[in-house]
Amino acid sequence: MFVLLACLFAVAAAAPQLEQEPIGILLDERTDSGDGNFAYNFETENGIVMEVSGTPGAEGATNMQGVYRFPLPDGSIAEVRFFADEGGYRAESPLIPTPHPLPAHAQEQIRIAEEQRAQGITFDNQGRRLNR
């Protein structure tokens, strides 16, 4: 039993001590009109900023929009704008990956397929035309 306790004590003593200074709040503003409309803004001394506003939405939901910013390791500032409403959550930022545009030949194939579909031309899963 003593050996087990000694091992536990050794592990605890060897664990890194993560002592960080608290991050100061530079700005903390909040408003709530009581009818579902609200806003809040805050900023920390390490460069994190958030600005949000909300309004009543459909069926008891809350619609929100805002922006948050934070410093990146290279010193630049990241910014993300967001919207949350009946359509879901949408974020916009150059940091968010987007799919590559389709090459011209793929766009042409899609255009041809849409024309064929509009003309009632269909194919099976083997690529054989079903109607002539």
N, C-alpha and C. Protein backbone atom coordinates (compact mmCIF):
# COMPACT_ATOMS: atom_id res chain seq x y z
N MET A 1 0.82 -1.18 0.00
CA MET A 1 0.00 0.00 0.00
C MET A 1 0.87 1.25 0.00
N PHE A 2 1.96 1.20 0.82
CA PHE A 2 2.86 2.34 0.91
C PHE A 2 3.50 2.64 -0.45
N VAL A 3 3.86 1.58 -1.19
CA VAL A 3 4.48 1.75 -2.50
C VAL A 3 3.50 2.44 -3.45
N LEU A 4 2.24 2.04 -3.42
CA LEU A 4 1.23 2.65 -4.28
C LEU A 4 1.08 4.13 -3.97
N LEU A 5 0.99 4.48 -2.69
CA LEU A 5 0.87 5.88 -2.29
C LEU A 5 2.11 6.67 -2.69
N ALA A 6 3.27 6.07 -2.56
CA ALA A 6 4.52 6.74 -2.94
C ALA A 6 4.55 7.01 -4.44
N CYS A 7 4.07 6.03 -5.23
CA CYS A 7 4.02 6.21 -6.68
C CYS A 7 3.05 7.32 -7.07
N LEU A 8 1.88 7.33 -6.45
CA LEU A 8 0.91 8.39 -6.73
C LEU A 8 1.47 9.76 -6.36
N PHE A 9 2.17 9.85 -5.23
CA PHE A 9 2.77 11.12 -4.82
C PHE A 9 3.84 11.55 -5.82
N ALA A 10 4.63 10.61 -6.30
CA ALA A 10 5.69 10.93 -7.26
C ALA A 10 5.11 11.43 -8.57
N VAL A 11 4.04 10.81 -9.03
CA VAL A 11 3.39 11.24 -10.28
C VAL A 11 2.81 12.64 -10.11
N ALA A 12 2.15 12.89 -8.99
CA ALA A 12 1.57 14.21 -8.75
C ALA A 12 2.66 15.27 -8.64
N ALA A 13 3.76 14.96 -8.00
CA ALA A 13 4.84 15.93 -7.84
C ALA A 13 5.54 16.21 -9.17
N ALA A 14 5.60 15.21 -10.05
CA ALA A 14 6.28 15.37 -11.33
C ALA A 14 5.41 16.03 -12.39
N ALA A 15 4.11 16.11 -12.16
CA ALA A 15 3.20 16.70 -13.14
C ALA A 15 3.53 18.18 -13.33
N PRO A 16 3.46 18.67 -14.57
CA PRO A 16 3.76 20.08 -14.79
C PRO A 16 2.76 20.97 -14.06
N GLN A 17 3.29 22.00 -13.46
CA GLN A 17 2.43 22.94 -12.74
C GLN A 17 2.03 24.05 -13.71
N LEU A 18 0.79 24.07 -14.09
CA LEU A 18 0.29 25.04 -15.06
C LEU A 18 -0.27 26.24 -14.32
N GLU A 19 0.58 27.16 -14.07
CA GLU A 19 0.14 28.37 -13.38
C GLU A 19 0.10 29.49 -14.40
N GLN A 20 -1.08 29.94 -14.75
CA GLN A 20 -1.24 31.03 -15.68
C GLN A 20 -1.89 32.19 -14.96
N GLU A 21 -1.46 33.35 -15.32
CA GLU A 21 -2.09 34.54 -14.78
C GLU A 21 -3.48 34.67 -15.38
N PRO A 22 -4.44 35.11 -14.60
CA PRO A 22 -5.78 35.34 -15.16
C PRO A 22 -5.71 36.41 -16.25
N ILE A 23 -6.55 36.26 -17.25
CA ILE A 23 -6.60 37.22 -18.35
C ILE A 23 -7.63 38.28 -17.98
N GLY A 24 -7.20 39.52 -18.03
CA GLY A 24 -8.06 40.63 -17.63
C GLY A 24 -9.15 40.92 -18.65
N ILE A 25 -10.30 41.33 -18.15
CA ILE A 25 -11.42 41.75 -18.99
C ILE A 25 -11.33 43.27 -19.12
N LEU A 26 -11.20 43.76 -20.35
CA LEU A 26 -11.10 45.19 -20.59
C LEU A 26 -12.47 45.83 -20.79
N LEU A 27 -13.39 45.08 -21.36
CA LEU A 27 -14.73 45.61 -21.66
C LEU A 27 -15.74 44.50 -21.46
N ASP A 28 -16.83 44.80 -20.80
CA ASP A 28 -17.93 43.84 -20.61
C ASP A 28 -19.22 44.64 -20.55
N GLU A 29 -19.89 44.75 -21.69
CA GLU A 29 -21.15 45.50 -21.78
C GLU A 29 -22.27 44.54 -22.15
N ARG A 30 -23.37 44.65 -21.43
CA ARG A 30 -24.52 43.76 -21.68
C ARG A 30 -25.79 44.57 -21.59
N THR A 31 -26.69 44.34 -22.54
CA THR A 31 -28.02 44.95 -22.47
C THR A 31 -29.05 43.88 -22.76
N ASP A 32 -30.15 43.94 -22.06
CA ASP A 32 -31.25 43.01 -22.25
C ASP A 32 -32.53 43.80 -22.02
N SER A 33 -33.30 43.99 -23.08
CA SER A 33 -34.50 44.81 -22.96
C SER A 33 -35.68 44.05 -22.35
N GLY A 34 -35.52 42.75 -22.12
CA GLY A 34 -36.59 41.98 -21.51
C GLY A 34 -37.61 41.44 -22.49
N ASP A 35 -37.51 41.84 -23.75
CA ASP A 35 -38.47 41.37 -24.75
C ASP A 35 -37.82 40.42 -25.77
N GLY A 36 -36.66 39.92 -25.42
CA GLY A 36 -35.94 39.01 -26.32
C GLY A 36 -34.82 39.69 -27.08
N ASN A 37 -34.76 41.01 -27.05
CA ASN A 37 -33.67 41.74 -27.69
C ASN A 37 -32.53 41.89 -26.69
N PHE A 38 -31.33 41.61 -27.12
CA PHE A 38 -30.18 41.73 -26.23
C PHE A 38 -28.93 42.02 -27.05
N ALA A 39 -27.89 42.41 -26.36
CA ALA A 39 -26.58 42.61 -26.98
C ALA A 39 -25.52 42.46 -25.91
N TYR A 40 -24.37 42.00 -26.31
CA TYR A 40 -23.24 42.01 -25.39
C TYR A 40 -21.95 42.19 -26.18
N ASN A 41 -21.01 42.84 -25.55
CA ASN A 41 -19.69 43.08 -26.11
C ASN A 41 -18.68 42.82 -25.01
N PHE A 42 -17.62 42.14 -25.35
CA PHE A 42 -16.53 42.02 -24.38
C PHE A 42 -15.19 41.97 -25.10
N GLU A 43 -14.18 42.34 -24.35
CA GLU A 43 -12.81 42.34 -24.88
C GLU A 43 -11.88 41.97 -23.73
N THR A 44 -10.91 41.13 -24.04
CA THR A 44 -9.94 40.72 -23.04
C THR A 44 -8.58 41.32 -23.36
N GLU A 45 -7.70 41.35 -22.37
CA GLU A 45 -6.40 41.96 -22.58
C GLU A 45 -5.50 41.15 -23.51
N ASN A 46 -5.87 39.90 -23.80
CA ASN A 46 -5.07 39.13 -24.76
C ASN A 46 -5.60 39.23 -26.18
N GLY A 47 -6.54 40.16 -26.43
CA GLY A 47 -6.97 40.45 -27.80
C GLY A 47 -8.23 39.75 -28.26
N ILE A 48 -8.91 39.02 -27.41
CA ILE A 48 -10.16 38.37 -27.80
C ILE A 48 -11.28 39.40 -27.69
N VAL A 49 -12.08 39.49 -28.75
CA VAL A 49 -13.20 40.44 -28.80
C VAL A 49 -14.43 39.69 -29.29
N MET A 50 -15.59 39.98 -28.70
CA MET A 50 -16.84 39.39 -29.16
C MET A 50 -17.94 40.43 -29.07
N GLU A 51 -18.70 40.55 -30.16
CA GLU A 51 -19.83 41.46 -30.22
C GLU A 51 -21.03 40.67 -30.75
N VAL A 52 -22.11 40.62 -29.99
CA VAL A 52 -23.26 39.81 -30.36
C VAL A 52 -24.53 40.60 -30.10
N SER A 53 -25.51 40.44 -31.01
CA SER A 53 -26.84 41.00 -30.75
C SER A 53 -27.85 39.91 -31.08
N GLY A 54 -28.98 39.97 -30.39
CA GLY A 54 -30.01 38.96 -30.59
C GLY A 54 -31.38 39.59 -30.61
N THR A 55 -32.27 38.96 -31.34
CA THR A 55 -33.66 39.39 -31.44
C THR A 55 -34.56 38.17 -31.38
N PRO A 56 -35.82 38.34 -31.00
CA PRO A 56 -36.73 37.19 -30.99
C PRO A 56 -36.91 36.63 -32.39
N GLY A 57 -36.94 35.32 -32.48
CA GLY A 57 -37.15 34.67 -33.76
C GLY A 57 -38.49 33.95 -33.77
N ALA A 58 -38.66 33.12 -34.77
CA ALA A 58 -39.91 32.37 -34.92
C ALA A 58 -39.98 31.25 -33.89
N GLU A 59 -41.16 30.97 -33.45
CA GLU A 59 -41.45 29.83 -32.57
C GLU A 59 -40.59 29.82 -31.31
N GLY A 60 -40.34 30.99 -30.74
CA GLY A 60 -39.60 31.07 -29.49
C GLY A 60 -38.09 31.01 -29.61
N ALA A 61 -37.60 30.90 -30.81
CA ALA A 61 -36.15 30.87 -31.00
C ALA A 61 -35.57 32.27 -30.86
N THR A 62 -34.26 32.35 -30.76
CA THR A 62 -33.57 33.62 -30.72
C THR A 62 -32.67 33.71 -31.94
N ASN A 63 -32.79 34.79 -32.67
CA ASN A 63 -31.89 35.04 -33.79
C ASN A 63 -30.71 35.85 -33.28
N MET A 64 -29.53 35.44 -33.67
CA MET A 64 -28.32 36.12 -33.21
C MET A 64 -27.41 36.39 -34.38
N GLN A 65 -26.65 37.46 -34.25
CA GLN A 65 -25.59 37.73 -35.20
C GLN A 65 -24.47 38.42 -34.46
N GLY A 66 -23.28 38.26 -34.98
CA GLY A 66 -22.17 38.88 -34.29
C GLY A 66 -20.85 38.60 -34.97
N VAL A 67 -19.82 38.96 -34.26
CA VAL A 67 -18.46 38.79 -34.76
C VAL A 67 -17.56 38.50 -33.57
N TYR A 68 -16.57 37.64 -33.78
CA TYR A 68 -15.54 37.48 -32.76
C TYR A 68 -14.18 37.54 -33.44
N ARG A 69 -13.23 38.06 -32.70
CA ARG A 69 -11.87 38.23 -33.18
C ARG A 69 -10.90 37.68 -32.14
N PHE A 70 -9.81 37.13 -32.62
CA PHE A 70 -8.79 36.64 -31.70
C PHE A 70 -7.44 36.68 -32.41
N PRO A 71 -6.38 36.87 -31.65
CA PRO A 71 -5.04 36.93 -32.26
C PRO A 71 -4.55 35.55 -32.66
N LEU A 72 -3.87 35.51 -33.79
CA LEU A 72 -3.25 34.28 -34.27
C LEU A 72 -1.77 34.28 -33.88
N PRO A 73 -1.15 33.12 -33.88
CA PRO A 73 0.26 33.05 -33.48
C PRO A 73 1.19 33.97 -34.28
N ASP A 74 0.84 34.27 -35.54
CA ASP A 74 1.70 35.14 -36.36
C ASP A 74 1.47 36.62 -36.08
N GLY A 75 0.57 36.94 -35.14
CA GLY A 75 0.31 38.33 -34.79
C GLY A 75 -0.87 38.95 -35.50
N SER A 76 -1.36 38.30 -36.56
CA SER A 76 -2.54 38.83 -37.25
C SER A 76 -3.79 38.52 -36.43
N ILE A 77 -4.88 39.15 -36.81
CA ILE A 77 -6.14 38.98 -36.09
C ILE A 77 -7.12 38.18 -36.94
N ALA A 78 -7.66 37.12 -36.38
CA ALA A 78 -8.69 36.32 -37.05
C ALA A 78 -10.04 36.96 -36.76
N GLU A 79 -10.91 36.95 -37.75
CA GLU A 79 -12.27 37.47 -37.55
C GLU A 79 -13.26 36.49 -38.13
N VAL A 80 -14.31 36.21 -37.37
CA VAL A 80 -15.39 35.33 -37.81
C VAL A 80 -16.70 36.06 -37.57
N ARG A 81 -17.49 36.22 -38.62
CA ARG A 81 -18.83 36.79 -38.50
C ARG A 81 -19.81 35.62 -38.52
N PHE A 82 -20.85 35.70 -37.70
CA PHE A 82 -21.78 34.57 -37.65
C PHE A 82 -23.22 35.05 -37.58
N PHE A 83 -24.10 34.16 -38.00
CA PHE A 83 -25.54 34.38 -37.99
C PHE A 83 -26.18 33.09 -37.52
N ALA A 84 -27.12 33.19 -36.61
CA ALA A 84 -27.84 32.01 -36.14
C ALA A 84 -29.31 32.38 -36.10
N ASP A 85 -30.10 31.67 -36.90
CA ASP A 85 -31.53 31.97 -36.97
C ASP A 85 -32.27 30.70 -37.42
N GLU A 86 -33.47 30.88 -37.92
CA GLU A 86 -34.27 29.73 -38.34
C GLU A 86 -33.56 28.91 -39.42
N GLY A 87 -32.66 29.54 -40.15
CA GLY A 87 -31.90 28.85 -41.20
C GLY A 87 -30.68 28.11 -40.69
N GLY A 88 -30.43 28.17 -39.38
CA GLY A 88 -29.28 27.49 -38.81
C GLY A 88 -28.15 28.44 -38.49
N TYR A 89 -26.98 27.88 -38.26
CA TYR A 89 -25.79 28.67 -37.92
C TYR A 89 -24.92 28.80 -39.15
N ARG A 90 -24.52 30.02 -39.45
CA ARG A 90 -23.64 30.27 -40.58
C ARG A 90 -22.49 31.16 -40.12
N ALA A 91 -21.30 30.75 -40.44
CA ALA A 91 -20.11 31.53 -40.10
C ALA A 91 -19.41 31.93 -41.38
N GLU A 92 -18.87 33.15 -41.38
CA GLU A 92 -18.15 33.65 -42.55
C GLU A 92 -16.79 34.15 -42.10
N SER A 93 -15.75 33.66 -42.76
CA SER A 93 -14.39 34.09 -42.45
C SER A 93 -13.46 33.57 -43.53
N PRO A 94 -12.44 34.34 -43.87
CA PRO A 94 -11.45 33.81 -44.81
C PRO A 94 -10.71 32.60 -44.23
N LEU A 95 -10.81 32.38 -42.92
CA LEU A 95 -10.13 31.24 -42.29
C LEU A 95 -10.88 29.93 -42.48
N ILE A 96 -12.16 30.00 -42.82
CA ILE A 96 -12.97 28.79 -42.96
C ILE A 96 -12.72 28.20 -44.34
N PRO A 97 -12.29 26.94 -44.41
CA PRO A 97 -12.02 26.33 -45.71
C PRO A 97 -13.27 26.26 -46.58
N THR A 98 -13.09 26.46 -47.86
CA THR A 98 -14.19 26.34 -48.82
C THR A 98 -13.75 25.36 -49.91
N PRO A 99 -14.71 24.71 -50.55
CA PRO A 99 -14.32 23.78 -51.61
C PRO A 99 -13.73 24.53 -52.81
N HIS A 100 -12.86 23.86 -53.52
CA HIS A 100 -12.28 24.45 -54.72
C HIS A 100 -13.36 24.56 -55.79
N PRO A 101 -13.28 25.56 -56.66
CA PRO A 101 -14.25 25.65 -57.75
C PRO A 101 -14.09 24.46 -58.70
N LEU A 102 -15.19 24.07 -59.30
CA LEU A 102 -15.16 22.96 -60.25
C LEU A 102 -14.42 23.39 -61.51
N PRO A 103 -13.65 22.48 -62.10
CA PRO A 103 -12.98 22.81 -63.37
C PRO A 103 -14.02 22.98 -64.48
N ALA A 104 -13.64 23.67 -65.53
CA ALA A 104 -14.55 24.00 -66.62
C ALA A 104 -15.20 22.75 -67.23
N HIS A 105 -14.42 21.67 -67.41
CA HIS A 105 -14.99 20.46 -68.04
C HIS A 105 -16.08 19.85 -67.15
N ALA A 106 -15.92 19.92 -65.82
CA ALA A 106 -16.94 19.38 -64.92
C ALA A 106 -18.20 20.25 -64.97
N GLN A 107 -18.01 21.56 -65.02
CA GLN A 107 -19.17 22.46 -65.13
C GLN A 107 -19.93 22.20 -66.44
N GLU A 108 -19.19 21.93 -67.52
CA GLU A 108 -19.84 21.64 -68.81
C GLU A 108 -20.63 20.33 -68.72
N GLN A 109 -20.08 19.32 -68.08
CA GLN A 109 -20.80 18.05 -67.92
C GLN A 109 -22.09 18.25 -67.11
N ILE A 110 -22.03 19.06 -66.08
CA ILE A 110 -23.23 19.34 -65.28
C ILE A 110 -24.26 20.07 -66.12
N ARG A 111 -23.81 21.03 -66.93
CA ARG A 111 -24.74 21.77 -67.80
C ARG A 111 -25.42 20.80 -68.78
N ILE A 112 -24.66 19.90 -69.39
CA ILE A 112 -25.23 18.93 -70.34
C ILE A 112 -26.23 18.02 -69.63
N ALA A 113 -25.89 17.54 -68.43
CA ALA A 113 -26.79 16.66 -67.68
C ALA A 113 -28.09 17.39 -67.35
N GLU A 114 -28.01 18.66 -66.98
CA GLU A 114 -29.23 19.43 -66.67
C GLU A 114 -30.09 19.60 -67.90
N GLU A 115 -29.47 19.83 -69.06
CA GLU A 115 -30.23 19.95 -70.32
C GLU A 115 -30.93 18.63 -70.64
N GLN A 116 -30.20 17.51 -70.49
CA GLN A 116 -30.79 16.20 -70.76
C GLN A 116 -31.94 15.92 -69.80
N ARG A 117 -31.77 16.25 -68.55
CA ARG A 117 -32.83 16.04 -67.56
C ARG A 117 -34.07 16.85 -67.94
N ALA A 118 -33.85 18.09 -68.37
CA ALA A 118 -34.96 18.95 -68.77
C ALA A 118 -35.69 18.39 -69.99
N GLN A 119 -34.98 17.66 -70.85
CA GLN A 119 -35.58 17.05 -72.04
C GLN A 119 -36.18 15.68 -71.74
N GLY A 120 -36.08 15.24 -70.48
CA GLY A 120 -36.65 13.95 -70.10
C GLY A 120 -35.74 12.77 -70.37
N ILE A 121 -34.50 13.01 -70.71
CA ILE A 121 -33.54 11.95 -70.97
C ILE A 121 -32.99 11.46 -69.64
N THR A 122 -33.06 10.13 -69.43
CA THR A 122 -32.54 9.55 -68.18
C THR A 122 -31.62 8.38 -68.50
N PHE A 123 -30.78 8.04 -67.54
CA PHE A 123 -29.82 6.95 -67.69
C PHE A 123 -29.89 6.05 -66.47
N ASP A 124 -29.51 4.76 -66.65
CA ASP A 124 -29.45 3.88 -65.49
C ASP A 124 -28.10 4.07 -64.80
N ASN A 125 -27.86 3.30 -63.73
CA ASN A 125 -26.63 3.48 -62.98
C ASN A 125 -25.40 2.95 -63.71
N GLN A 126 -25.59 2.32 -64.86
CA GLN A 126 -24.47 1.87 -65.70
C GLN A 126 -24.18 2.86 -66.83
N GLY A 127 -24.96 3.94 -66.89
CA GLY A 127 -24.75 4.95 -67.92
C GLY A 127 -25.49 4.68 -69.22
N ARG A 128 -26.38 3.66 -69.22
CA ARG A 128 -27.16 3.35 -70.42
C ARG A 128 -28.43 4.19 -70.43
N ARG A 129 -28.73 4.76 -71.60
CA ARG A 129 -29.90 5.60 -71.74
C ARG A 129 -31.15 4.75 -71.60
N LEU A 130 -32.12 5.23 -70.79
CA LEU A 130 -33.34 4.46 -70.52
C LEU A 130 -34.45 4.80 -71.50
N ASN A 131 -34.47 5.99 -72.00
CA ASN A 131 -35.55 6.35 -72.92
C ASN A 131 -34.94 6.93 -74.20
N ARG A 132 -35.61 6.66 -75.29
CA ARG A 132 -35.07 7.10 -76.59
C ARG A 132 -36.04 8.03 -77.24
